[in-house]
Amino acid sequence: MRLLALILAGVLVALQYPLWFGKGGWLRVRDLQQQVDAQKAVTAKLEARTRAFDAEVRDLKSGFDALEERARSEQGMIRQDEVYFQLAPQPPAAPAPQK
């Protein structure tokens, strides 16, 4: 009877091994699921970035407001009837002499 119990335990372990550690085992499935979740997060960030770029392209194609704003901020352009003031930063105050 003891031999039969040992044989059955050995068969049970032999059947369980592929379930846990095999190619399609639970541990591998859990690892792959974590990789899928991480890739979904990266994809979501990239999709949001793509939507922002698409909106910017639509704005640039459809009107001059976005184009003008971009020219002002990136190129420092101004209109002909505008006056441009640029304030220079003040130099840092000299430290007081130490005695």
Protein backbone atom coordinates (compact mmCIF):
# COMPACT_ATOMS: atom_id res chain seq x y z
CA MET A 1 0.00 0.00 0.00
CA ARG A 2 2.86 2.37 0.81
CA LEU A 3 4.40 1.74 -2.60
CA LEU A 4 1.11 2.62 -4.31
CA ALA A 5 0.91 5.92 -2.38
CA LEU A 6 4.47 6.80 -3.40
CA ILE A 7 3.72 5.98 -7.06
CA LEU A 8 0.55 8.11 -6.99
CA ALA A 9 2.44 11.00 -5.34
CA GLY A 10 5.14 10.72 -8.02
CA VAL A 11 2.51 10.79 -10.78
CA LEU A 12 0.86 13.79 -9.17
CA VAL A 13 4.18 15.68 -9.02
CA ALA A 14 4.94 14.68 -12.63
CA LEU A 15 1.56 16.04 -13.74
CA GLN A 16 1.91 19.25 -11.73
CA TYR A 17 5.41 20.13 -12.93
CA PRO A 18 4.39 21.27 -16.46
CA LEU A 19 1.45 23.17 -15.01
CA TRP A 20 3.73 25.31 -12.84
CA PHE A 21 7.08 25.37 -14.63
CA GLY A 22 6.37 24.35 -18.23
CA LYS A 23 6.19 26.50 -21.36
CA GLY A 24 2.55 27.44 -20.74
CA GLY A 25 2.70 27.16 -16.96
CA TRP A 26 1.17 29.52 -14.44
CA LEU A 27 4.44 31.25 -13.63
CA ARG A 28 5.15 31.95 -17.31
CA VAL A 29 1.60 33.19 -17.87
CA ARG A 30 1.89 35.56 -14.90
CA ASP A 31 5.21 36.91 -16.20
CA LEU A 32 3.78 37.42 -19.68
CA GLN A 33 0.73 39.18 -18.23
CA GLN A 34 2.99 41.61 -16.38
CA GLN A 35 4.87 42.30 -19.64
CA VAL A 36 1.56 42.89 -21.45
CA ASP A 37 0.42 45.33 -18.75
CA ALA A 38 3.70 47.24 -18.94
CA GLN A 39 3.46 47.42 -22.74
CA LYS A 40 -0.14 48.66 -22.50
CA ALA A 41 0.99 51.49 -20.23
CA VAL A 42 3.72 52.48 -22.70
CA THR A 43 1.25 52.29 -25.58
CA ALA A 44 -1.25 54.50 -23.74
CA LYS A 45 1.44 57.17 -23.21
CA LEU A 46 2.42 57.03 -26.87
CA GLU A 47 -1.21 57.24 -27.99
CA ALA A 48 -1.73 60.36 -25.85
CA ARG A 49 1.40 61.89 -27.38
CA THR A 50 0.17 61.03 -30.87
CA ARG A 51 -3.21 62.64 -30.16
CA ALA A 52 -1.43 65.79 -28.99
CA PHE A 53 0.66 65.89 -32.17
CA ASP A 54 -2.44 65.33 -34.30
CA ALA A 55 -4.22 68.21 -32.58
CA GLU A 56 -1.22 70.47 -33.12
CA VAL A 57 -1.05 69.54 -36.81
CA ARG A 58 -4.78 70.25 -37.22
CA ASP A 59 -4.33 73.64 -35.52
CA LEU A 60 -1.40 74.53 -37.74
CA LYS A 61 -3.25 73.50 -40.90
CA SER A 62 -6.58 75.11 -40.07
CA GLY A 63 -5.71 78.56 -38.82
CA PHE A 64 -3.12 81.21 -38.39
CA ASP A 65 -3.59 81.60 -34.64
CA ALA A 66 -1.61 78.49 -33.78
CA LEU A 67 0.97 79.28 -36.43
CA GLU A 68 1.36 82.82 -35.12
CA GLU A 69 1.64 81.62 -31.53
CA ARG A 70 4.34 79.13 -32.49
CA ALA A 71 6.28 81.74 -34.49
CA ARG A 72 6.15 84.14 -31.55
CA SER A 73 7.25 81.63 -28.93
CA GLU A 74 9.89 79.73 -30.90
CA GLN A 75 11.21 82.35 -33.31
CA GLY A 76 10.59 85.57 -31.38
CA MET A 77 8.66 87.09 -34.27
CA ILE A 78 6.52 90.19 -33.87
CA ARG A 79 4.00 92.02 -36.05
CA GLN A 80 4.91 95.14 -37.96
CA ASP A 81 2.84 97.46 -35.76
CA GLU A 82 4.07 96.01 -32.45
CA VAL A 83 6.83 97.24 -30.17
CA TYR A 84 9.01 94.56 -28.64
CA PHE A 85 10.54 95.06 -25.20
CA GLN A 86 13.16 92.69 -23.88
CA LEU A 87 14.21 93.10 -20.28
CA ALA A 88 17.71 92.03 -19.41
CA PRO A 89 18.09 90.19 -16.10
CA GLN A 90 19.78 92.18 -13.37
CA PRO A 91 23.28 91.01 -12.48
CA PRO A 92 23.54 89.40 -9.06
CA ALA A 93 24.53 91.78 -6.28
CA ALA A 94 28.16 91.61 -5.21
CA PRO A 95 28.56 89.96 -1.83
CA ALA A 96 29.49 92.20 1.09
CA PRO A 97 33.20 92.07 1.95
CA GLN A 98 34.01 89.81 4.88
CA LYS A 99 35.93 91.28 7.82
